[in-house]
Amino acid sequence: MLDFARSASDLLELVKRCRGGDPEAWRALRGPSQEIGRQALRSFRLPEADSDDILSDALTAMHAGGLAQLRGGTIAELIAFLKVVVRTRAIHFLKARSK
């Protein structure tokens, strides 16, 4: 289980503020998002540098508007959404690398 410094309601409030363009909220959400993303990437068994690149790409995409696609309103839905975003980026990364 993830050990967040913030409660679930705080994280959901951060998501709401991020959608509103609050840069402080983005900075606060980055840590928990990275933790979730790293867990999602473990099964790919990638070198740390590749995982860092994928995670950076996924978080940049979310910052650029991808977070607006989150339809859920619970912490479980937020975690699932973040994992899907990171795994999708990892799959695209691996496909591009194999070409």
PDB file of N, CA and C in Angstrom:
ATOM      1  N   MET A   1       0.841  -1.185   0.000  1.00  0.00           N
ATOM      2  CA  MET A   1       0.000   0.000   0.000  1.00  0.00           C
ATOM      3  C   MET A   1       0.878   1.238   0.000  1.00  0.00           C
ATOM      4  N   LEU A   2       0.448   2.259  -0.685  1.00  0.00           N
ATOM      5  CA  LEU A   2       1.206   3.491  -0.753  1.00  0.00           C
ATOM      6  C   LEU A   2       1.162   4.217   0.576  1.00  0.00           C
ATOM      7  N   ASP A   3       2.271   4.806   0.957  1.00  0.00           N
ATOM      8  CA  ASP A   3       2.341   5.554   2.198  1.00  0.00           C
ATOM      9  C   ASP A   3       2.462   7.030   1.854  1.00  0.00           C
ATOM     10  N   PHE A   4       1.333   7.692   1.697  1.00  0.00           N
ATOM     11  CA  PHE A   4       1.325   9.096   1.331  1.00  0.00           C
ATOM     12  C   PHE A   4       1.432   9.959   2.570  1.00  0.00           C
ATOM     13  N   ALA A   5       2.122  11.082   2.435  1.00  0.00           N
ATOM     14  CA  ALA A   5       2.203  12.053   3.525  1.00  0.00           C
ATOM     15  C   ALA A   5       0.876  12.786   3.669  1.00  0.00           C
ATOM     16  N   ARG A   6       0.089  12.765   2.646  1.00  0.00           N
ATOM     17  CA  ARG A   6      -1.199  13.461   2.646  1.00  0.00           C
ATOM     18  C   ARG A   6      -2.331  12.447   2.689  1.00  0.00           C
ATOM     19  N   SER A   7      -3.445  12.857   3.196  1.00  0.00           N
ATOM     20  CA  SER A   7      -4.613  11.979   3.209  1.00  0.00           C
ATOM     21  C   SER A   7      -5.201  11.911   1.795  1.00  0.00           C
ATOM     22  N   ALA A   8      -6.076  10.954   1.595  1.00  0.00           N
ATOM     23  CA  ALA A   8      -6.718  10.786   0.292  1.00  0.00           C
ATOM     24  C   ALA A   8      -7.478  12.042  -0.109  1.00  0.00           C
ATOM     25  N   SER A   9      -8.175  12.656   0.835  1.00  0.00           N
ATOM     26  CA  SER A   9      -8.931  13.864   0.488  1.00  0.00           C
ATOM     27  C   SER A   9      -8.000  15.001   0.087  1.00  0.00           C
ATOM     28  N   ASP A  10      -6.812  15.068   0.713  1.00  0.00           N
ATOM     29  CA  ASP A  10      -5.840  16.088   0.326  1.00  0.00           C
ATOM     30  C   ASP A  10      -5.351  15.863  -1.103  1.00  0.00           C
ATOM     31  N   LEU A  11      -5.103  14.601  -1.461  1.00  0.00           N
ATOM     32  CA  LEU A  11      -4.644  14.292  -2.822  1.00  0.00           C
ATOM     33  C   LEU A  11      -5.711  14.637  -3.850  1.00  0.00           C
ATOM     34  N   LEU A  12      -6.942  14.320  -3.528  1.00  0.00           N
ATOM     35  CA  LEU A  12      -8.027  14.648  -4.460  1.00  0.00           C
ATOM     36  C   LEU A  12      -8.198  16.156  -4.584  1.00  0.00           C
ATOM     37  N   GLU A  13      -7.976  16.871  -3.519  1.00  0.00           N
ATOM     38  CA  GLU A  13      -8.025  18.336  -3.572  1.00  0.00           C
ATOM     39  C   GLU A  13      -6.882  18.868  -4.435  1.00  0.00           C
ATOM     40  N   LEU A  14      -5.723  18.240  -4.348  1.00  0.00           N
ATOM     41  CA  LEU A  14      -4.601  18.638  -5.203  1.00  0.00           C
ATOM     42  C   LEU A  14      -4.943  18.444  -6.672  1.00  0.00           C
ATOM     43  N   VAL A  15      -5.595  17.348  -6.996  1.00  0.00           N
ATOM     44  CA  VAL A  15      -6.004  17.092  -8.385  1.00  0.00           C
ATOM     45  C   VAL A  15      -6.930  18.206  -8.856  1.00  0.00           C
ATOM     46  N   LYS A  16      -7.867  18.556  -8.030  1.00  0.00           N
ATOM     47  CA  LYS A  16      -8.798  19.632  -8.381  1.00  0.00           C
ATOM     48  C   LYS A  16      -8.045  20.945  -8.618  1.00  0.00           C
ATOM     49  N   ARG A  17      -7.102  21.249  -7.753  1.00  0.00           N
ATOM     50  CA  ARG A  17      -6.319  22.475  -7.915  1.00  0.00           C
ATOM     51  C   ARG A  17      -5.416  22.415  -9.147  1.00  0.00           C
ATOM     52  N   CYS A  18      -4.880  21.225  -9.431  1.00  0.00           N
ATOM     53  CA  CYS A  18      -4.045  21.058 -10.632  1.00  0.00           C
ATOM     54  C   CYS A  18      -4.859  21.340 -11.884  1.00  0.00           C
ATOM     55  N   ARG A  19      -6.065  20.826 -11.907  1.00  0.00           N
ATOM     56  CA  ARG A  19      -6.942  21.077 -13.053  1.00  0.00           C
ATOM     57  C   ARG A  19      -7.206  22.563 -13.232  1.00  0.00           C
ATOM     58  N   GLY A  20      -7.154  23.307 -12.131  1.00  0.00           N
ATOM     59  CA  GLY A  20      -7.335  24.754 -12.180  1.00  0.00           C
ATOM     60  C   GLY A  20      -6.063  25.521 -12.502  1.00  0.00           C
ATOM     61  N   GLY A  21      -4.949  24.783 -12.675  1.00  0.00           N
ATOM     62  CA  GLY A  21      -3.696  25.419 -13.067  1.00  0.00           C
ATOM     63  C   GLY A  21      -2.817  25.886 -11.925  1.00  0.00           C
ATOM     64  N   ASP A  22      -3.041  25.421 -10.715  1.00  0.00           N
ATOM     65  CA  ASP A  22      -2.258  25.824  -9.549  1.00  0.00           C
ATOM     66  C   ASP A  22      -0.876  25.162  -9.579  1.00  0.00           C
ATOM     67  N   PRO A  23       0.200  25.947  -9.774  1.00  0.00           N
ATOM     68  CA  PRO A  23       1.537  25.352  -9.860  1.00  0.00           C
ATOM     69  C   PRO A  23       1.999  24.717  -8.547  1.00  0.00           C
ATOM     70  N   GLU A  24       1.575  25.242  -7.418  1.00  0.00           N
ATOM     71  CA  GLU A  24       1.946  24.647  -6.131  1.00  0.00           C
ATOM     72  C   GLU A  24       1.317  23.267  -5.977  1.00  0.00           C
ATOM     73  N   ALA A  25       0.103  23.123  -6.457  1.00  0.00           N
ATOM     74  CA  ALA A  25      -0.569  21.826  -6.391  1.00  0.00           C
ATOM     75  C   ALA A  25       0.172  20.805  -7.248  1.00  0.00           C
ATOM     76  N   TRP A  26       0.652  21.242  -8.418  1.00  0.00           N
ATOM     77  CA  TRP A  26       1.415  20.328  -9.276  1.00  0.00           C
ATOM     78  C   TRP A  26       2.669  19.846  -8.567  1.00  0.00           C
ATOM     79  N   ARG A  27       3.358  20.759  -7.901  1.00  0.00           N
ATOM     80  CA  ARG A  27       4.574  20.363  -7.183  1.00  0.00           C
ATOM     81  C   ARG A  27       4.242  19.384  -6.058  1.00  0.00           C
ATOM     82  N   ALA A  28       3.143  19.612  -5.360  1.00  0.00           N
ATOM     83  CA  ALA A  28       2.759  18.737  -4.256  1.00  0.00           C
ATOM     84  C   ALA A  28       2.293  17.367  -4.752  1.00  0.00           C
ATOM     85  N   LEU A  29       1.664  17.312  -5.909  1.00  0.00           N
ATOM     86  CA  LEU A  29       1.161  16.046  -6.454  1.00  0.00           C
ATOM     87  C   LEU A  29       2.273  15.222  -7.096  1.00  0.00           C
ATOM     88  N   ARG A  30       3.367  15.852  -7.413  1.00  0.00           N
ATOM     89  CA  ARG A  30       4.452  15.176  -8.122  1.00  0.00           C
ATOM     90  C   ARG A  30       5.014  13.981  -7.340  1.00  0.00           C
ATOM     91  N   GLY A  31       5.265  14.158  -6.056  1.00  0.00           N
ATOM     92  CA  GLY A  31       5.842  13.076  -5.247  1.00  0.00           C
ATOM     93  C   GLY A  31       4.969  11.837  -5.212  1.00  0.00           C
ATOM     94  N   PRO A  32       3.703  11.969  -4.811  1.00  0.00           N
ATOM     95  CA  PRO A  32       2.835  10.789  -4.814  1.00  0.00           C
ATOM     96  C   PRO A  32       2.672  10.178  -6.210  1.00  0.00           C
ATOM     97  N   SER A  33       2.622  11.017  -7.232  1.00  0.00           N
ATOM     98  CA  SER A  33       2.477  10.516  -8.611  1.00  0.00           C
ATOM     99  C   SER A  33       3.705   9.722  -9.019  1.00  0.00           C
ATOM    100  N   GLN A  34       4.875  10.194  -8.627  1.00  0.00           N
ATOM    101  CA  GLN A  34       6.101   9.464  -8.945  1.00  0.00           C
ATOM    102  C   GLN A  34       6.132   8.110  -8.242  1.00  0.00           C
ATOM    103  N   GLU A  35       5.688   8.074  -7.010  1.00  0.00           N
ATOM    104  CA  GLU A  35       5.664   6.812  -6.269  1.00  0.00           C
ATOM    105  C   GLU A  35       4.739   5.807  -6.950  1.00  0.00           C
ATOM    106  N   ILE A  36       3.574   6.258  -7.333  1.00  0.00           N
ATOM    107  CA  ILE A  36       2.619   5.392  -8.036  1.00  0.00           C
ATOM    108  C   ILE A  36       3.219   4.928  -9.368  1.00  0.00           C
ATOM    109  N   GLY A  37       3.817   5.861 -10.089  1.00  0.00           N
ATOM    110  CA  GLY A  37       4.422   5.534 -11.378  1.00  0.00           C
ATOM    111  C   GLY A  37       5.555   4.538 -11.263  1.00  0.00           C
ATOM    112  N   ARG A  38       6.385   4.695 -10.259  1.00  0.00           N
ATOM    113  CA  ARG A  38       7.494   3.748 -10.072  1.00  0.00           C
ATOM    114  C   ARG A  38       6.964   2.347  -9.775  1.00  0.00           C
ATOM    115  N   GLN A  39       5.916   2.261  -8.990  1.00  0.00           N
ATOM    116  CA  GLN A  39       5.322   0.947  -8.728  1.00  0.00           C
ATOM    117  C   GLN A  39       4.768   0.337 -10.012  1.00  0.00           C
ATOM    118  N   ALA A  40       4.153   1.155 -10.844  1.00  0.00           N
ATOM    119  CA  ALA A  40       3.590   0.663 -12.103  1.00  0.00           C
ATOM    120  C   ALA A  40       4.686   0.179 -13.048  1.00  0.00           C
ATOM    121  N   LEU A  41       5.859   0.768 -12.971  1.00  0.00           N
ATOM    122  CA  LEU A  41       6.947   0.421 -13.882  1.00  0.00           C
ATOM    123  C   LEU A  41       7.772  -0.785 -13.431  1.00  0.00           C
ATOM    124  N   ARG A  42       7.631  -1.195 -12.197  1.00  0.00           N
ATOM    125  CA  ARG A  42       8.447  -2.309 -11.688  1.00  0.00           C
ATOM    126  C   ARG A  42       8.323  -3.569 -12.528  1.00  0.00           C
ATOM    127  N   SER A  43       7.134  -3.854 -12.994  1.00  0.00           N
ATOM    128  CA  SER A  43       6.931  -5.090 -13.756  1.00  0.00           C
ATOM    129  C   SER A  43       7.640  -5.069 -15.110  1.00  0.00           C
ATOM    130  N   PHE A  44       8.008  -3.895 -15.586  1.00  0.00           N
ATOM    131  CA  PHE A  44       8.706  -3.795 -16.869  1.00  0.00           C
ATOM    132  C   PHE A  44      10.196  -4.096 -16.734  1.00  0.00           C
ATOM    133  N   ARG A  45      10.715  -4.058 -15.527  1.00  0.00           N
ATOM    134  CA  ARG A  45      12.127  -4.361 -15.243  1.00  0.00           C
ATOM    135  C   ARG A  45      13.076  -3.567 -16.145  1.00  0.00           C
ATOM    136  N   LEU A  46      12.848  -2.280 -16.195  1.00  0.00           N
ATOM    137  CA  LEU A  46      13.656  -1.384 -17.017  1.00  0.00           C
ATOM    138  C   LEU A  46      14.823  -0.811 -16.220  1.00  0.00           C
ATOM    139  N   PRO A  47      15.872  -0.404 -16.916  1.00  0.00           N
ATOM    140  CA  PRO A  47      16.925   0.331 -16.219  1.00  0.00           C
ATOM    141  C   PRO A  47      16.344   1.610 -15.600  1.00  0.00           C
ATOM    142  N   GLU A  48      16.939   2.043 -14.514  1.00  0.00           N
ATOM    143  CA  GLU A  48      16.419   3.205 -13.790  1.00  0.00           C
ATOM    144  C   GLU A  48      16.331   4.446 -14.680  1.00  0.00           C
ATOM    145  N   ALA A  49      17.308   4.647 -15.539  1.00  0.00           N
ATOM    146  CA  ALA A  49      17.287   5.822 -16.424  1.00  0.00           C
ATOM    147  C   ALA A  49      16.073   5.787 -17.359  1.00  0.00           C
ATOM    148  N   ASP A  50      15.755   4.613 -17.894  1.00  0.00           N
ATOM    149  CA  ASP A  50      14.584   4.487 -18.766  1.00  0.00           C
ATOM    150  C   ASP A  50      13.295   4.727 -17.983  1.00  0.00           C
ATOM    151  N   SER A  51      13.227   4.164 -16.789  1.00  0.00           N
ATOM    152  CA  SER A  51      12.046   4.381 -15.948  1.00  0.00           C
ATOM    153  C   SER A  51      11.866   5.862 -15.630  1.00  0.00           C
ATOM    154  N   ASP A  52      12.969   6.530 -15.339  1.00  0.00           N
ATOM    155  CA  ASP A  52      12.902   7.963 -15.048  1.00  0.00           C
ATOM    156  C   ASP A  52      12.394   8.745 -16.251  1.00  0.00           C
ATOM    157  N   ASP A  53      12.866   8.382 -17.451  1.00  0.00           N
ATOM    158  CA  ASP A  53      12.424   9.055 -18.677  1.00  0.00           C
ATOM    159  C   ASP A  53      10.933   8.838 -18.918  1.00  0.00           C
ATOM    160  N   ILE A  54      10.489   7.609 -18.749  1.00  0.00           N
ATOM    161  CA  ILE A  54       9.072   7.288 -18.957  1.00  0.00           C
ATOM    162  C   ILE A  54       8.206   8.030 -17.950  1.00  0.00           C
ATOM    163  N   LEU A  55       8.637   8.011 -16.706  1.00  0.00           N
ATOM    164  CA  LEU A  55       7.878   8.682 -15.661  1.00  0.00           C
ATOM    165  C   LEU A  55       7.820  10.182 -15.897  1.00  0.00           C
ATOM    166  N   SER A  56       8.919  10.761 -16.294  1.00  0.00           N
ATOM    167  CA  SER A  56       8.957  12.193 -16.603  1.00  0.00           C
ATOM    168  C   SER A  56       8.015  12.526 -17.750  1.00  0.00           C
ATOM    169  N   ASP A  57       8.033  11.691 -18.777  1.00  0.00           N
ATOM    170  CA  ASP A  57       7.150  11.890 -19.930  1.00  0.00           C
ATOM    171  C   ASP A  57       5.680  11.795 -19.522  1.00  0.00           C
ATOM    172  N   ALA A  58       5.359  10.814 -18.693  1.00  0.00           N
ATOM    173  CA  ALA A  58       3.972  10.634 -18.257  1.00  0.00           C
ATOM    174  C   ALA A  58       3.500  11.816 -17.420  1.00  0.00           C
ATOM    175  N   LEU A  59       4.334  12.276 -16.499  1.00  0.00           N
ATOM    176  CA  LEU A  59       3.946  13.404 -15.652  1.00  0.00           C
ATOM    177  C   LEU A  59       3.846  14.699 -16.452  1.00  0.00           C
ATOM    178  N   THR A  60       4.707  14.858 -17.445  1.00  0.00           N
ATOM    179  CA  THR A  60       4.620  16.031 -18.323  1.00  0.00           C
ATOM    180  C   THR A  60       3.312  16.006 -19.103  1.00  0.00           C
ATOM    181  N   ALA A  61       2.935  14.840 -19.594  1.00  0.00           N
ATOM    182  CA  ALA A  61       1.672  14.716 -20.332  1.00  0.00           C
ATOM    183  C   ALA A  61       0.483  15.034 -19.433  1.00  0.00           C
ATOM    184  N   MET A  62       0.551  14.595 -18.200  1.00  0.00           N
ATOM    185  CA  MET A  62      -0.546  14.899 -17.278  1.00  0.00           C
ATOM    186  C   MET A  62      -0.597  16.402 -17.003  1.00  0.00           C
ATOM    187  N   HIS A  63       0.544  17.004 -16.842  1.00  0.00           N
ATOM    188  CA  HIS A  63       0.595  18.452 -16.581  1.00  0.00           C
ATOM    189  C   HIS A  63       0.088  19.244 -17.778  1.00  0.00           C
ATOM    190  N   ALA A  64       0.301  18.712 -18.963  1.00  0.00           N
ATOM    191  CA  ALA A  64      -0.101  19.403 -20.194  1.00  0.00           C
ATOM    192  C   ALA A  64      -1.584  19.219 -20.516  1.00  0.00           C
ATOM    193  N   GLY A  65      -2.318  18.618 -19.625  1.00  0.00           N
ATOM    194  CA  GLY A  65      -3.751  18.487 -19.848  1.00  0.00           C
ATOM    195  C   GLY A  65      -4.298  17.091 -19.679  1.00  0.00           C
ATOM    196  N   GLY A  66      -3.440  16.116 -19.560  1.00  0.00           N
ATOM    197  CA  GLY A  66      -3.892  14.738 -19.444  1.00  0.00           C
ATOM    198  C   GLY A  66      -4.691  14.456 -18.184  1.00  0.00           C
ATOM    199  N   LEU A  67      -4.437  15.215 -17.142  1.00  0.00           N
ATOM    200  CA  LEU A  67      -5.161  15.002 -15.892  1.00  0.00           C
ATOM    201  C   LEU A  67      -6.651  15.297 -16.049  1.00  0.00           C
ATOM    202  N   ALA A  68      -6.995  16.080 -17.041  1.00  0.00           N
ATOM    203  CA  ALA A  68      -8.411  16.391 -17.294  1.00  0.00           C
ATOM    204  C   ALA A  68      -9.187  15.141 -17.715  1.00  0.00           C
ATOM    205  N   GLN A  69      -8.478  14.104 -18.156  1.00  0.00           N
ATOM    206  CA  GLN A  69      -9.136  12.863 -18.586  1.00  0.00           C
ATOM    207  C   GLN A  69      -9.549  11.983 -17.419  1.00  0.00           C
ATOM    208  N   LEU A  70      -9.065  12.288 -16.222  1.00  0.00           N
ATOM    209  CA  LEU A  70      -9.456  11.529 -15.037  1.00  0.00           C
ATOM    210  C   LEU A  70     -10.932  11.762 -14.767  1.00  0.00           C
ATOM    211  N   ARG A  71     -11.703  10.712 -14.808  1.00  0.00           N
ATOM    212  CA  ARG A  71     -13.149  10.828 -14.633  1.00  0.00           C
ATOM    213  C   ARG A  71     -13.601  10.470 -13.223  1.00  0.00           C
ATOM    214  N   GLY A  72     -12.763   9.791 -12.488  1.00  0.00           N
ATOM    215  CA  GLY A  72     -13.150   9.342 -11.158  1.00  0.00           C
ATOM    216  C   GLY A  72     -12.976  10.408 -10.101  1.00  0.00           C
ATOM    217  N   GLY A  73     -13.510  10.117  -8.955  1.00  0.00           N
ATOM    218  CA  GLY A  73     -13.423  11.051  -7.855  1.00  0.00           C
ATOM    219  C   GLY A  73     -12.923  10.427  -6.571  1.00  0.00           C
ATOM    220  N   THR A  74     -12.328   9.231  -6.684  1.00  0.00           N
ATOM    221  CA  THR A  74     -11.809   8.560  -5.496  1.00  0.00           C
ATOM    222  C   THR A  74     -10.308   8.376  -5.626  1.00  0.00           C
ATOM    223  N   ILE A  75      -9.655   8.108  -4.512  1.00  0.00           N
ATOM    224  CA  ILE A  75      -8.216   7.888  -4.531  1.00  0.00           C
ATOM    225  C   ILE A  75      -7.868   6.634  -5.339  1.00  0.00           C
ATOM    226  N   ALA A  76      -8.707   5.602  -5.257  1.00  0.00           N
ATOM    227  CA  ALA A  76      -8.460   4.378  -6.036  1.00  0.00           C
ATOM    228  C   ALA A  76      -8.510   4.666  -7.532  1.00  0.00           C
ATOM    229  N   GLU A  77      -9.447   5.499  -7.948  1.00  0.00           N
ATOM    230  CA  GLU A  77      -9.550   5.847  -9.368  1.00  0.00           C
ATOM    231  C   GLU A  77      -8.369   6.705  -9.805  1.00  0.00           C
ATOM    232  N   LEU A  78      -7.888   7.568  -8.930  1.00  0.00           N
ATOM    233  CA  LEU A  78      -6.703   8.376  -9.236  1.00  0.00           C
ATOM    234  C   LEU A  78      -5.487   7.475  -9.411  1.00  0.00           C
ATOM    235  N   ILE A  79      -5.296   6.542  -8.500  1.00  0.00           N
ATOM    236  CA  ILE A  79      -4.156   5.623  -8.591  1.00  0.00           C
ATOM    237  C   ILE A  79      -4.238   4.784  -9.854  1.00  0.00           C
ATOM    238  N   ALA A  80      -5.403   4.256 -10.152  1.00  0.00           N
ATOM    239  CA  ALA A  80      -5.581   3.451 -11.371  1.00  0.00           C
ATOM    240  C   ALA A  80      -5.287   4.282 -12.613  1.00  0.00           C
ATOM    241  N   PHE A  81      -5.769   5.516 -12.634  1.00  0.00           N
ATOM    242  CA  PHE A  81      -5.532   6.403 -13.771  1.00  0.00           C
ATOM    243  C   PHE A  81      -4.036   6.653 -13.965  1.00  0.00           C
ATOM    244  N   LEU A  82      -3.345   6.975 -12.883  1.00  0.00           N
ATOM    245  CA  LEU A  82      -1.905   7.244 -12.982  1.00  0.00           C
ATOM    246  C   LEU A  82      -1.156   6.012 -13.474  1.00  0.00           C
ATOM    247  N   LYS A  83      -1.544   4.849 -12.988  1.00  0.00           N
ATOM    248  CA  LYS A  83      -0.881   3.614 -13.426  1.00  0.00           C
ATOM    249  C   LYS A  83      -1.106   3.354 -14.907  1.00  0.00           C
ATOM    250  N   VAL A  84      -2.310   3.600 -15.389  1.00  0.00           N
ATOM    251  CA  VAL A  84      -2.601   3.401 -16.810  1.00  0.00           C
ATOM    252  C   VAL A  84      -1.765   4.353 -17.660  1.00  0.00           C
ATOM    253  N   VAL A  85      -1.682   5.606 -17.248  1.00  0.00           N
ATOM    254  CA  VAL A  85      -0.899   6.595 -18.001  1.00  0.00           C
ATOM    255  C   VAL A  85       0.560   6.158 -18.074  1.00  0.00           C
ATOM    256  N   VAL A  86       1.123   5.756 -16.957  1.00  0.00           N
ATOM    257  CA  VAL A  86       2.537   5.366 -16.917  1.00  0.00           C
ATOM    258  C   VAL A  86       2.772   4.086 -17.708  1.00  0.00           C
ATOM    259  N   ARG A  87       1.920   3.104 -17.549  1.00  0.00           N
ATOM    260  CA  ARG A  87       2.088   1.848 -18.296  1.00  0.00           C
ATOM    261  C   ARG A  87       1.955   2.066 -19.797  1.00  0.00           C
ATOM    262  N   THR A  88       1.034   2.907 -20.199  1.00  0.00           N
ATOM    263  CA  THR A  88       0.868   3.209 -21.622  1.00  0.00           C
ATOM    264  C   THR A  88       2.128   3.862 -22.174  1.00  0.00           C
ATOM    265  N   ARG A  89       2.683   4.802 -21.427  1.00  0.00           N
ATOM    266  CA  ARG A  89       3.938   5.443 -21.862  1.00  0.00           C
ATOM    267  C   ARG A  89       5.068   4.431 -21.938  1.00  0.00           C
ATOM    268  N   ALA A  90       5.119   3.499 -21.005  1.00  0.00           N
ATOM    269  CA  ALA A  90       6.163   2.472 -21.016  1.00  0.00           C
ATOM    270  C   ALA A  90       6.034   1.576 -22.243  1.00  0.00           C
ATOM    271  N   ILE A  91       4.830   1.194 -22.568  1.00  0.00           N
ATOM    272  CA  ILE A  91       4.602   0.345 -23.745  1.00  0.00           C
ATOM    273  C   ILE A  91       5.015   1.083 -25.015  1.00  0.00           C
ATOM    274  N   HIS A  92       4.659   2.342 -25.129  1.00  0.00           N
ATOM    275  CA  HIS A  92       5.069   3.136 -26.300  1.00  0.00           C
ATOM    276  C   HIS A  92       6.583   3.264 -26.364  1.00  0.00           C
ATOM    277  N   PHE A  93       7.206   3.455 -25.215  1.00  0.00           N
ATOM    278  CA  PHE A  93       8.667   3.553 -25.147  1.00  0.00           C
ATOM    279  C   PHE A  93       9.320   2.264 -25.643  1.00  0.00           C
ATOM    280  N   LEU A  94       8.824   1.141 -25.169  1.00  0.00           N
ATOM    281  CA  LEU A  94       9.410  -0.141 -25.556  1.00  0.00           C
ATOM    282  C   LEU A  94       9.174  -0.447 -27.033  1.00  0.00           C
ATOM    283  N   LYS A  95       8.013  -0.099 -27.551  1.00  0.00           N
ATOM    284  CA  LYS A  95       7.747  -0.295 -28.979  1.00  0.00           C
ATOM    285  C   LYS A  95       8.681   0.557 -29.834  1.00  0.00           C
ATOM    286  N   ALA A  96       8.864   1.806 -29.444  1.00  0.00           N
ATOM    287  CA  ALA A  96       9.746   2.699 -30.190  1.00  0.00           C
ATOM    288  C   ALA A  96      11.195   2.224 -30.139  1.00  0.00           C
ATOM    289  N   ARG A  97      11.600   1.713 -29.006  1.00  0.00           N
ATOM    290  CA  ARG A  97      12.981   1.245 -28.842  1.00  0.00           C
ATOM    291  C   ARG A  97      13.237  -0.009 -29.655  1.00  0.00           C
ATOM    292  N   SER A  98      12.223  -0.850 -29.851  1.00  0.00           N
ATOM    293  CA  SER A  98      12.421  -2.103 -30.582  1.00  0.00           C
ATOM    294  C   SER A  98      12.434  -1.901 -32.091  1.00  0.00           C
ATOM    295  N   LYS A  99      12.056  -0.728 -32.561  1.00  0.00           N
ATOM    296  CA  LYS A  99      12.038  -0.476 -34.015  1.00  0.00           C
ATOM    297  C   LYS A  99      13.414  -0.163 -34.538  1.00  0.00           C
TER     298      LYS A  99
END
